[in-house]
């Protein structure tokens, strides 16, 4: 891993990732994102050029609501397939 400019280094980053995953576990479903944030789902599908609402909603959940990051996840999935 490269240079880390925070105290605690890699262990702190891993702890923050685990904290984030635990805080979202079971709290919100992709179907709720799809129905409640339909414009956000549409934006992620358009930016990612992969038109499946289920995958876009899952990407939004994984990114914590960051639509640009979610679009990146969708593009990465599309290119891997």
N, C-alpha and C. Protein backbone atom coordinates (compact mmCIF):
# COMPACT_ATOMS: atom_id res chain seq x y z
N UNK A 1 0.84 -1.17 0.00
CA UNK A 1 0.00 0.00 0.00
C UNK A 1 0.89 1.23 0.00
N UNK A 2 0.44 2.28 -0.62
CA UNK A 2 1.21 3.52 -0.73
C UNK A 2 1.22 4.33 0.54
N UNK A 3 1.64 5.55 0.42
CA UNK A 3 1.73 6.47 1.54
C UNK A 3 0.36 6.77 2.12
N UNK A 4 0.25 6.72 3.43
CA UNK A 4 -1.00 7.01 4.10
C UNK A 4 -0.76 8.19 5.04
N UNK A 5 -1.51 9.26 4.87
CA UNK A 5 -1.27 10.50 5.60
C UNK A 5 -2.15 10.65 6.83
N UNK A 6 -2.56 9.55 7.43
CA UNK A 6 -3.36 9.64 8.64
C UNK A 6 -2.71 8.82 9.73
N UNK A 7 -2.99 9.18 10.96
CA UNK A 7 -2.42 8.46 12.08
C UNK A 7 -3.11 7.11 12.19
N UNK A 8 -2.33 6.07 12.32
CA UNK A 8 -2.89 4.73 12.41
C UNK A 8 -2.67 3.94 11.14
N UNK A 9 -2.47 4.64 10.04
CA UNK A 9 -2.13 4.00 8.78
C UNK A 9 -3.16 3.03 8.26
N UNK A 10 -2.67 1.91 7.76
CA UNK A 10 -3.52 0.93 7.10
C UNK A 10 -4.55 0.33 8.05
N UNK A 11 -4.19 0.14 9.30
CA UNK A 11 -5.12 -0.42 10.28
C UNK A 11 -6.33 0.50 10.47
N UNK A 12 -6.11 1.81 10.49
CA UNK A 12 -7.21 2.76 10.63
C UNK A 12 -8.13 2.72 9.41
N UNK A 13 -7.55 2.58 8.22
CA UNK A 13 -8.36 2.50 7.01
C UNK A 13 -9.22 1.24 7.03
N UNK A 14 -8.63 0.11 7.39
CA UNK A 14 -9.38 -1.15 7.46
C UNK A 14 -10.48 -1.08 8.52
N UNK A 15 -10.20 -0.46 9.65
CA UNK A 15 -11.23 -0.31 10.68
C UNK A 15 -12.37 0.57 10.19
N UNK A 16 -12.06 1.63 9.44
CA UNK A 16 -13.13 2.49 8.94
C UNK A 16 -13.99 1.77 7.91
N UNK A 17 -13.37 0.94 7.08
CA UNK A 17 -14.13 0.16 6.10
C UNK A 17 -15.05 -0.82 6.80
N UNK A 18 -14.53 -1.51 7.81
CA UNK A 18 -15.36 -2.45 8.56
C UNK A 18 -16.49 -1.74 9.30
N UNK A 19 -16.21 -0.58 9.87
CA UNK A 19 -17.25 0.20 10.54
C UNK A 19 -18.35 0.58 9.57
N UNK A 20 -17.97 1.01 8.36
CA UNK A 20 -18.94 1.42 7.36
C UNK A 20 -19.81 0.23 6.94
N UNK A 21 -19.18 -0.92 6.70
CA UNK A 21 -19.95 -2.10 6.30
C UNK A 21 -20.91 -2.53 7.39
N UNK A 22 -20.46 -2.49 8.64
CA UNK A 22 -21.33 -2.88 9.75
C UNK A 22 -22.48 -1.91 9.94
N UNK A 23 -22.25 -0.63 9.70
CA UNK A 23 -23.31 0.36 9.90
C UNK A 23 -24.40 0.26 8.84
N UNK A 24 -24.08 -0.23 7.65
CA UNK A 24 -25.08 -0.36 6.59
C UNK A 24 -25.73 -1.74 6.54
N UNK A 25 -25.17 -2.69 7.24
CA UNK A 25 -25.64 -4.07 7.14
C UNK A 25 -27.11 -4.19 7.54
N UNK A 26 -27.94 -4.57 6.60
CA UNK A 26 -29.33 -4.83 6.88
C UNK A 26 -30.20 -3.59 7.10
N UNK A 27 -29.67 -2.41 6.94
CA UNK A 27 -30.47 -1.22 7.22
C UNK A 27 -31.26 -0.73 6.02
N UNK A 28 -30.71 -0.86 4.85
CA UNK A 28 -31.40 -0.37 3.65
C UNK A 28 -31.26 -1.41 2.55
N UNK A 29 -32.31 -1.58 1.80
CA UNK A 29 -32.31 -2.58 0.73
C UNK A 29 -32.21 -1.89 -0.62
N UNK A 30 -31.71 -2.63 -1.59
CA UNK A 30 -31.57 -2.07 -2.93
C UNK A 30 -32.92 -1.67 -3.51
N UNK A 31 -33.97 -2.42 -3.17
CA UNK A 31 -35.31 -2.08 -3.69
C UNK A 31 -35.79 -0.74 -3.14
N UNK A 32 -35.40 -0.40 -1.90
CA UNK A 32 -35.76 0.90 -1.33
C UNK A 32 -35.00 2.02 -2.02
N UNK A 33 -33.76 1.77 -2.38
CA UNK A 33 -32.97 2.77 -3.10
C UNK A 33 -33.57 2.99 -4.48
N UNK A 34 -33.93 1.89 -5.14
CA UNK A 34 -34.50 1.97 -6.48
C UNK A 34 -35.81 2.76 -6.50
N UNK A 35 -36.65 2.53 -5.51
CA UNK A 35 -37.94 3.23 -5.51
C UNK A 35 -37.84 4.64 -4.93
N UNK A 36 -36.97 4.85 -3.97
CA UNK A 36 -36.89 6.15 -3.31
C UNK A 36 -35.96 7.14 -3.98
N UNK A 37 -34.95 6.64 -4.65
CA UNK A 37 -33.95 7.51 -5.29
C UNK A 37 -33.88 7.21 -6.79
N UNK A 38 -35.01 7.26 -7.44
CA UNK A 38 -35.06 6.84 -8.84
C UNK A 38 -34.20 7.71 -9.76
N UNK A 39 -34.12 9.02 -9.47
CA UNK A 39 -33.28 9.87 -10.31
C UNK A 39 -31.80 9.57 -10.11
N UNK A 40 -31.42 9.25 -8.88
CA UNK A 40 -30.02 8.87 -8.60
C UNK A 40 -29.68 7.57 -9.30
N UNK A 41 -30.59 6.61 -9.27
CA UNK A 41 -30.38 5.34 -9.95
C UNK A 41 -30.25 5.57 -11.45
N UNK A 42 -31.10 6.42 -12.00
CA UNK A 42 -31.03 6.74 -13.43
C UNK A 42 -29.69 7.39 -13.79
N UNK A 43 -29.21 8.28 -12.93
CA UNK A 43 -27.93 8.95 -13.19
C UNK A 43 -26.78 7.96 -13.19
N UNK A 44 -26.79 7.04 -12.23
CA UNK A 44 -25.72 6.04 -12.16
C UNK A 44 -25.77 5.11 -13.37
N UNK A 45 -26.97 4.73 -13.79
CA UNK A 45 -27.10 3.88 -14.97
C UNK A 45 -26.58 4.60 -16.20
N UNK A 46 -26.91 5.88 -16.34
CA UNK A 46 -26.46 6.65 -17.50
C UNK A 46 -24.96 6.86 -17.51
N UNK A 47 -24.40 7.24 -16.35
CA UNK A 47 -22.95 7.46 -16.27
C UNK A 47 -22.17 6.17 -16.43
N UNK A 48 -22.73 5.08 -15.92
CA UNK A 48 -22.04 3.80 -15.99
C UNK A 48 -22.28 3.05 -17.29
N UNK A 49 -23.23 3.52 -18.07
CA UNK A 49 -23.58 2.91 -19.36
C UNK A 49 -23.94 1.44 -19.22
N UNK A 50 -24.62 1.11 -18.13
CA UNK A 50 -25.13 -0.24 -17.92
C UNK A 50 -26.52 -0.06 -17.31
N UNK A 51 -27.53 -0.43 -18.05
CA UNK A 51 -28.90 -0.05 -17.71
C UNK A 51 -29.63 -1.17 -16.99
N UNK A 52 -29.26 -1.37 -15.72
CA UNK A 52 -29.97 -2.28 -14.84
C UNK A 52 -30.13 -1.59 -13.49
N UNK A 53 -31.38 -1.41 -13.10
CA UNK A 53 -31.67 -0.66 -11.88
C UNK A 53 -31.15 -1.37 -10.63
N UNK A 54 -31.24 -2.69 -10.64
CA UNK A 54 -30.80 -3.46 -9.47
C UNK A 54 -29.31 -3.26 -9.22
N UNK A 55 -28.51 -3.29 -10.27
CA UNK A 55 -27.07 -3.11 -10.13
C UNK A 55 -26.72 -1.68 -9.75
N UNK A 56 -27.43 -0.72 -10.30
CA UNK A 56 -27.18 0.69 -9.96
C UNK A 56 -27.52 0.95 -8.50
N UNK A 57 -28.61 0.38 -8.01
CA UNK A 57 -28.99 0.55 -6.61
C UNK A 57 -27.96 -0.09 -5.69
N UNK A 58 -27.46 -1.25 -6.08
CA UNK A 58 -26.43 -1.91 -5.28
C UNK A 58 -25.14 -1.08 -5.26
N UNK A 59 -24.80 -0.48 -6.37
CA UNK A 59 -23.60 0.36 -6.44
C UNK A 59 -23.75 1.60 -5.56
N UNK A 60 -24.95 2.19 -5.53
CA UNK A 60 -25.19 3.35 -4.68
C UNK A 60 -25.05 2.95 -3.22
N UNK A 61 -25.56 1.79 -2.87
CA UNK A 61 -25.43 1.32 -1.49
C UNK A 61 -23.96 1.08 -1.13
N UNK A 62 -23.22 0.46 -2.04
CA UNK A 62 -21.81 0.17 -1.79
C UNK A 62 -20.99 1.45 -1.65
N UNK A 63 -21.36 2.48 -2.40
CA UNK A 63 -20.58 3.72 -2.37
C UNK A 63 -21.04 4.67 -1.28
N UNK A 64 -22.06 4.31 -0.55
CA UNK A 64 -22.55 5.17 0.52
C UNK A 64 -23.26 6.40 0.02
N UNK A 65 -23.81 6.34 -1.18
CA UNK A 65 -24.55 7.47 -1.73
C UNK A 65 -23.75 8.36 -2.65
N UNK A 66 -22.48 8.09 -2.82
CA UNK A 66 -21.64 8.88 -3.73
C UNK A 66 -21.91 8.42 -5.16
N UNK A 67 -22.61 9.24 -5.93
CA UNK A 67 -23.06 8.81 -7.25
C UNK A 67 -21.92 8.64 -8.24
N UNK A 68 -20.90 9.47 -8.15
CA UNK A 68 -19.76 9.31 -9.06
C UNK A 68 -19.01 8.01 -8.78
N UNK A 69 -18.85 7.70 -7.52
CA UNK A 69 -18.21 6.45 -7.16
C UNK A 69 -19.08 5.26 -7.57
N UNK A 70 -20.38 5.39 -7.40
CA UNK A 70 -21.30 4.33 -7.82
C UNK A 70 -21.23 4.10 -9.33
N UNK A 71 -21.15 5.18 -10.10
CA UNK A 71 -21.02 5.05 -11.55
C UNK A 71 -19.70 4.36 -11.91
N UNK A 72 -18.65 4.66 -11.15
CA UNK A 72 -17.37 4.00 -11.37
C UNK A 72 -17.50 2.50 -11.13
N UNK A 73 -18.21 2.10 -10.06
CA UNK A 73 -18.43 0.68 -9.78
C UNK A 73 -19.18 0.01 -10.92
N UNK A 74 -20.20 0.70 -11.45
CA UNK A 74 -20.98 0.13 -12.54
C UNK A 74 -20.13 -0.02 -13.81
N UNK A 75 -19.33 1.00 -14.12
CA UNK A 75 -18.43 0.91 -15.29
C UNK A 75 -17.41 -0.21 -15.12
N UNK A 76 -16.89 -0.35 -13.91
CA UNK A 76 -15.92 -1.42 -13.66
C UNK A 76 -16.58 -2.79 -13.84
N UNK A 77 -17.80 -2.92 -13.37
CA UNK A 77 -18.53 -4.18 -13.54
C UNK A 77 -18.77 -4.46 -15.03
N UNK A 78 -19.19 -3.41 -15.74
CA UNK A 78 -19.47 -3.58 -17.17
C UNK A 78 -18.23 -4.00 -17.93
N UNK A 79 -17.09 -3.39 -17.62
CA UNK A 79 -15.87 -3.73 -18.34
C UNK A 79 -15.35 -5.10 -17.95
N UNK A 80 -15.64 -5.54 -16.72
CA UNK A 80 -15.20 -6.87 -16.30
C UNK A 80 -16.03 -7.97 -16.94
N UNK A 81 -17.28 -7.63 -17.26
CA UNK A 81 -18.14 -8.62 -17.89
C UNK A 81 -17.84 -8.67 -19.36
